[in-house]
Amino acid sequence: MTKIGLFYGPQEGNVEKVAKLIASKIENVDLIRVKEIGADALNKYDNIILGISTLGKHTWASENEGNDWDQFLPKMNGADLKGKKVAIFGLGDHIAYADFFVDAMGELFEVVKKTGATTIGQVSDKGYEFNESRAFVDGKFVGLPIDEDFEDDLTEERVDNWLKIILPEMK
């Protein structure tokens, strides 16, 4: 398997915790915080995993420029990732943000689509409770939704099942 770039943000929270869990289950992976790189770092990998959190639409997409992804997403505009495979995982809170569950994952998906990359790792909504989500497209989530606030006991099983989907495609 070729080396995988696992890019995530923010650090020191649940996204980093899940990113490290995913990395621990994959051979030949680089774990990279988006806060520390430019979009050209994505060019080094044919297989990419991106991890993002949803703080609630009102905070994630506001004028808060301190968020790691708020700083990195503009760098992705115009990036050419044709021929690369990209899987996304997103953290959200399905209780407090049932109307915005993992919305940031959906927004990241839209940016990735514009780069020409092939997105992989879509997940069924079976076992998830939410009202609405920008990450729910054509009957599936665009990546792996994780709720570490209220369903942390399901995280490892969800990660394992997701890796069974994406790793065979990342040969």
C-alpha atoms as a PDB file:
ATOM      1  CA  MET A   1       0.000   0.000   0.000  1.00  0.00           C
ATOM      2  CA  THR A   2       1.264   3.464  -0.818  1.00  0.00           C
ATOM      3  CA  LYS A   3       1.743   5.950   1.991  1.00  0.00           C
ATOM      4  CA  ILE A   4      -1.407   7.682   3.224  1.00  0.00           C
ATOM      5  CA  GLY A   5      -1.496  11.305   4.324  1.00  0.00           C
ATOM      6  CA  LEU A   6      -3.895  11.792   7.240  1.00  0.00           C
ATOM      7  CA  PHE A   7      -4.524  15.522   7.606  1.00  0.00           C
ATOM      8  CA  TYR A   8      -6.596  16.799  10.513  1.00  0.00           C
ATOM      9  CA  GLY A   9      -7.510  19.783  12.609  1.00  0.00           C
ATOM     10  CA  PRO A  10      -7.945  21.112  15.140  1.00  0.00           C
ATOM     11  CA  GLN A  11      -5.358  19.566  17.372  1.00  0.00           C
ATOM     12  CA  GLU A  12      -5.646  18.663  21.054  1.00  0.00           C
ATOM     13  CA  GLY A  13      -9.271  17.584  20.886  1.00  0.00           C
ATOM     14  CA  ASN A  14     -11.522  14.854  19.652  1.00  0.00           C
ATOM     15  CA  VAL A  15     -10.456  15.201  16.016  1.00  0.00           C
ATOM     16  CA  GLU A  16      -6.851  14.578  17.005  1.00  0.00           C
ATOM     17  CA  LYS A  17      -7.922  11.675  19.216  1.00  0.00           C
ATOM     18  CA  VAL A  18      -9.794  10.012  16.334  1.00  0.00           C
ATOM     19  CA  ALA A  19      -7.010  10.828  13.845  1.00  0.00           C
ATOM     20  CA  LYS A  20      -4.517   9.068  16.108  1.00  0.00           C
ATOM     21  CA  LEU A  21      -6.874   6.105  16.479  1.00  0.00           C
ATOM     22  CA  ILE A  22      -7.184   5.816  12.690  1.00  0.00           C
ATOM     23  CA  ALA A  23      -3.424   6.193  12.221  1.00  0.00           C
ATOM     24  CA  SER A  24      -2.787   3.450  14.786  1.00  0.00           C
ATOM     25  CA  LYS A  25      -4.790   1.036  12.631  1.00  0.00           C
ATOM     26  CA  ILE A  26      -3.045   1.835   9.326  1.00  0.00           C
ATOM     27  CA  GLU A  27       0.427   0.947   8.166  1.00  0.00           C
ATOM     28  CA  ASN A  28       2.453   3.513   6.266  1.00  0.00           C
ATOM     29  CA  VAL A  29       0.625   6.704   7.280  1.00  0.00           C
ATOM     30  CA  ASP A  30       1.793  10.259   7.978  1.00  0.00           C
ATOM     31  CA  LEU A  31      -0.255  12.151  10.582  1.00  0.00           C
ATOM     32  CA  ILE A  32      -0.274  15.879   9.739  1.00  0.00           C
ATOM     33  CA  ARG A  33      -2.008  18.872  11.348  1.00  0.00           C
ATOM     34  CA  VAL A  34      -3.479  21.175   8.697  1.00  0.00           C
ATOM     35  CA  LYS A  35      -2.508  24.194  10.772  1.00  0.00           C
ATOM     36  CA  GLU A  36       1.148  23.556   9.981  1.00  0.00           C
ATOM     37  CA  ILE A  37       1.081  23.068   6.191  1.00  0.00           C
ATOM     38  CA  GLY A  38       0.128  24.465   2.811  1.00  0.00           C
ATOM     39  CA  ALA A  39      -2.122  22.746   0.270  1.00  0.00           C
ATOM     40  CA  ASP A  40       0.948  21.609  -1.680  1.00  0.00           C
ATOM     41  CA  ALA A  41       1.534  19.036   1.091  1.00  0.00           C
ATOM     42  CA  LEU A  42      -1.443  17.100  -0.307  1.00  0.00           C
ATOM     43  CA  ASN A  43       0.465  16.562  -3.554  1.00  0.00           C
ATOM     44  CA  LYS A  44       2.866  14.138  -1.852  1.00  0.00           C
ATOM     45  CA  TYR A  45       0.108  11.548  -1.378  1.00  0.00           C
ATOM     46  CA  ASP A  46      -2.108   9.560  -3.733  1.00  0.00           C
ATOM     47  CA  ASN A  47      -4.267   8.510  -0.773  1.00  0.00           C
ATOM     48  CA  ILE A  48      -5.524  11.155   1.625  1.00  0.00           C
ATOM     49  CA  ILE A  49      -7.685  11.110   4.746  1.00  0.00           C
ATOM     50  CA  LEU A  50      -9.038  14.427   6.027  1.00  0.00           C
ATOM     51  CA  GLY A  51     -10.448  14.931   9.537  1.00  0.00           C
ATOM     52  CA  ILE A  52     -12.535  17.925  10.582  1.00  0.00           C
ATOM     53  CA  SER A  53     -14.856  18.943  13.406  1.00  0.00           C
ATOM     54  CA  THR A  54     -18.167  20.738  13.358  1.00  0.00           C
ATOM     55  CA  LEU A  55     -18.476  23.260  16.138  1.00  0.00           C
ATOM     56  CA  GLY A  56     -21.908  24.211  14.920  1.00  0.00           C
ATOM     57  CA  LYS A  57     -22.427  26.053  11.657  1.00  0.00           C
ATOM     58  CA  HIS A  58     -22.646  29.376  13.435  1.00  0.00           C
ATOM     59  CA  THR A  59     -19.111  29.076  14.816  1.00  0.00           C
ATOM     60  CA  TRP A  60     -17.305  27.052  12.144  1.00  0.00           C
ATOM     61  CA  ALA A  61     -18.254  29.267   9.213  1.00  0.00           C
ATOM     62  CA  SER A  62     -18.225  32.562  11.071  1.00  0.00           C
ATOM     63  CA  GLU A  63     -15.505  35.138  11.191  1.00  0.00           C
ATOM     64  CA  ASN A  64     -13.492  32.848  13.444  1.00  0.00           C
ATOM     65  CA  GLU A  65     -10.244  32.704  11.517  1.00  0.00           C
ATOM     66  CA  GLY A  66      -8.478  30.883  14.329  1.00  0.00           C
ATOM     67  CA  ASN A  67      -9.877  27.504  13.314  1.00  0.00           C
ATOM     68  CA  ASP A  68      -7.278  25.313  11.595  1.00  0.00           C
ATOM     69  CA  TRP A  69      -9.601  24.525   8.679  1.00  0.00           C
ATOM     70  CA  ASP A  70     -10.648  28.168   8.274  1.00  0.00           C
ATOM     71  CA  GLN A  71      -6.988  28.836   7.550  1.00  0.00           C
ATOM     72  CA  PHE A  72      -6.398  25.739   5.384  1.00  0.00           C
ATOM     73  CA  LEU A  73      -9.517  25.569   3.176  1.00  0.00           C
ATOM     74  CA  PRO A  74      -8.707  28.746   1.228  1.00  0.00           C
ATOM     75  CA  LYS A  75      -5.314  27.183   0.430  1.00  0.00           C
ATOM     76  CA  MET A  76      -7.158  24.287  -1.234  1.00  0.00           C
ATOM     77  CA  ASN A  77      -8.938  26.557  -3.722  1.00  0.00           C
ATOM     78  CA  GLY A  78      -7.555  25.763  -7.136  1.00  0.00           C
ATOM     79  CA  ALA A  79      -5.677  22.679  -5.937  1.00  0.00           C
ATOM     80  CA  ASP A  80      -5.481  19.880  -8.486  1.00  0.00           C
ATOM     81  CA  LEU A  81      -5.950  16.497  -6.823  1.00  0.00           C
ATOM     82  CA  LYS A  82      -7.010  14.549  -9.921  1.00  0.00           C
ATOM     83  CA  GLY A  83      -6.049  10.902  -9.601  1.00  0.00           C
ATOM     84  CA  LYS A  84      -5.964  11.040  -5.787  1.00  0.00           C
ATOM     85  CA  LYS A  85      -8.372   9.251  -3.460  1.00  0.00           C
ATOM     86  CA  VAL A  86      -9.719  11.219  -0.521  1.00  0.00           C
ATOM     87  CA  ALA A  87     -11.685   9.908   2.468  1.00  0.00           C
ATOM     88  CA  ILE A  88     -13.156  12.281   5.050  1.00  0.00           C
ATOM     89  CA  PHE A  89     -14.131  11.821   8.670  1.00  0.00           C
ATOM     90  CA  GLY A  90     -15.983  14.443  10.646  1.00  0.00           C
ATOM     91  CA  LEU A  91     -16.797  14.955  14.275  1.00  0.00           C
ATOM     92  CA  GLY A  92     -20.089  16.361  15.430  1.00  0.00           C
ATOM     93  CA  ASP A  93     -22.589  16.383  18.253  1.00  0.00           C
ATOM     94  CA  HIS A  94     -25.859  14.772  17.209  1.00  0.00           C
ATOM     95  CA  ILE A  95     -27.684  16.032  20.324  1.00  0.00           C
ATOM     96  CA  ALA A  96     -26.842  19.748  20.554  1.00  0.00           C
ATOM     97  CA  TYR A  97     -26.338  20.133  16.790  1.00  0.00           C
ATOM     98  CA  ALA A  98     -28.901  17.704  15.355  1.00  0.00           C
ATOM     99  CA  ASP A  99     -29.726  20.268  12.648  1.00  0.00           C
ATOM    100  CA  PHE A 100     -26.055  20.734  11.698  1.00  0.00           C
ATOM    101  CA  PHE A 101     -24.648  17.259  12.386  1.00  0.00           C
ATOM    102  CA  VAL A 102     -21.151  16.998  10.874  1.00  0.00           C
ATOM    103  CA  ASP A 103     -21.916  19.903   8.517  1.00  0.00           C
ATOM    104  CA  ALA A 104     -18.227  20.750   8.269  1.00  0.00           C
ATOM    105  CA  MET A 105     -17.577  17.330   6.736  1.00  0.00           C
ATOM    106  CA  GLY A 106     -20.109  18.227   4.027  1.00  0.00           C
ATOM    107  CA  GLU A 107     -18.458  21.585   3.431  1.00  0.00           C
ATOM    108  CA  LEU A 108     -15.038  19.954   3.204  1.00  0.00           C
ATOM    109  CA  PHE A 109     -16.484  17.401   0.757  1.00  0.00           C
ATOM    110  CA  GLU A 110     -17.638  20.258  -1.510  1.00  0.00           C
ATOM    111  CA  VAL A 111     -14.129  21.730  -1.537  1.00  0.00           C
ATOM    112  CA  VAL A 112     -12.553  18.323  -2.236  1.00  0.00           C
ATOM    113  CA  LYS A 113     -14.942  17.716  -5.165  1.00  0.00           C
ATOM    114  CA  LYS A 114     -13.693  20.918  -6.818  1.00  0.00           C
ATOM    115  CA  THR A 115     -10.103  19.615  -6.709  1.00  0.00           C
ATOM    116  CA  GLY A 116     -10.940  16.693  -8.991  1.00  0.00           C
ATOM    117  CA  ALA A 117     -10.098  14.056  -6.377  1.00  0.00           C
ATOM    118  CA  THR A 118     -12.096  10.845  -6.120  1.00  0.00           C
ATOM    119  CA  THR A 119     -13.915  10.756  -2.798  1.00  0.00           C
ATOM    120  CA  ILE A 120     -14.291   7.393  -1.097  1.00  0.00           C
ATOM    121  CA  GLY A 121     -15.654   6.107   2.210  1.00  0.00           C
ATOM    122  CA  GLN A 122     -19.313   7.060   2.095  1.00  0.00           C
ATOM    123  CA  VAL A 123     -21.270   5.713   5.075  1.00  0.00           C
ATOM    124  CA  SER A 124     -24.899   4.701   5.577  1.00  0.00           C
ATOM    125  CA  ASP A 125     -26.967   6.637   8.108  1.00  0.00           C
ATOM    126  CA  LYS A 126     -27.935   3.366   9.810  1.00  0.00           C
ATOM    127  CA  GLY A 127     -27.306   3.759  13.545  1.00  0.00           C
ATOM    128  CA  TYR A 128     -27.120   7.565  13.436  1.00  0.00           C
ATOM    129  CA  GLU A 129     -29.663  10.015  14.822  1.00  0.00           C
ATOM    130  CA  PHE A 130     -29.755  13.543  13.404  1.00  0.00           C
ATOM    131  CA  ASN A 131     -32.230  15.969  11.852  1.00  0.00           C
ATOM    132  CA  GLU A 132     -30.173  17.447   9.037  1.00  0.00           C
ATOM    133  CA  SER A 133     -26.631  17.417   7.750  1.00  0.00           C
ATOM    134  CA  ARG A 134     -24.799  18.968   4.818  1.00  0.00           C
ATOM    135  CA  ALA A 135     -22.689  15.801   4.917  1.00  0.00           C
ATOM    136  CA  PHE A 136     -25.675  13.593   4.044  1.00  0.00           C
ATOM    137  CA  VAL A 137     -25.831  13.439   0.241  1.00  0.00           C
ATOM    138  CA  ASP A 138     -27.778  11.036  -1.955  1.00  0.00           C
ATOM    139  CA  GLY A 139     -28.773   8.813   0.970  1.00  0.00           C
ATOM    140  CA  LYS A 140     -25.320   8.476   2.543  1.00  0.00           C
ATOM    141  CA  PHE A 141     -22.841  10.450   4.578  1.00  0.00           C
ATOM    142  CA  VAL A 142     -19.949  11.698   2.422  1.00  0.00           C
ATOM    143  CA  GLY A 143     -17.524  10.250   4.971  1.00  0.00           C
ATOM    144  CA  LEU A 144     -17.379   8.837   8.477  1.00  0.00           C
ATOM    145  CA  PRO A 145     -19.424  10.738  11.096  1.00  0.00           C
ATOM    146  CA  ILE A 146     -18.181  10.442  14.671  1.00  0.00           C
ATOM    147  CA  ASP A 147     -19.834  11.785  17.833  1.00  0.00           C
ATOM    148  CA  GLU A 148     -17.271  11.632  20.630  1.00  0.00           C
ATOM    149  CA  ASP A 149     -19.542  13.645  22.938  1.00  0.00           C
ATOM    150  CA  PHE A 150     -22.440  11.207  23.127  1.00  0.00           C
ATOM    151  CA  GLU A 151     -21.417   8.060  21.225  1.00  0.00           C
ATOM    152  CA  ASP A 152     -17.736   7.616  22.019  1.00  0.00           C
ATOM    153  CA  ASP A 153     -18.413   3.957  22.799  1.00  0.00           C
ATOM    154  CA  LEU A 154     -19.167   3.452  19.066  1.00  0.00           C
ATOM    155  CA  THR A 155     -16.100   5.228  17.704  1.00  0.00           C
ATOM    156  CA  GLU A 156     -13.676   2.324  17.432  1.00  0.00           C
ATOM    157  CA  GLU A 157     -16.214   0.012  15.781  1.00  0.00           C
ATOM    158  CA  ARG A 158     -17.229   2.765  13.341  1.00  0.00           C
ATOM    159  CA  VAL A 159     -13.580   3.462  12.499  1.00  0.00           C
ATOM    160  CA  ASP A 160     -12.866  -0.240  11.973  1.00  0.00           C
ATOM    161  CA  ASN A 161     -15.869  -0.638   9.662  1.00  0.00           C
ATOM    162  CA  TRP A 162     -14.898   2.488   7.708  1.00  0.00           C
ATOM    163  CA  LEU A 163     -11.320   1.342   7.263  1.00  0.00           C
ATOM    164  CA  LYS A 164     -12.659  -1.891   5.758  1.00  0.00           C
ATOM    165  CA  ILE A 165     -14.306   0.319   3.118  1.00  0.00           C
ATOM    166  CA  ILE A 166     -11.495   2.748   2.328  1.00  0.00           C
ATOM    167  CA  LEU A 167      -8.263   0.758   2.701  1.00  0.00           C
ATOM    168  CA  PRO A 168      -8.942  -1.670  -0.172  1.00  0.00           C
ATOM    169  CA  GLU A 169      -9.458   1.382  -2.418  1.00  0.00           C
ATOM    170  CA  MET A 170      -6.161   2.914  -1.263  1.00  0.00           C
ATOM    171  CA  LYS A 171      -3.844   0.300  -2.777  1.00  0.00           C
END
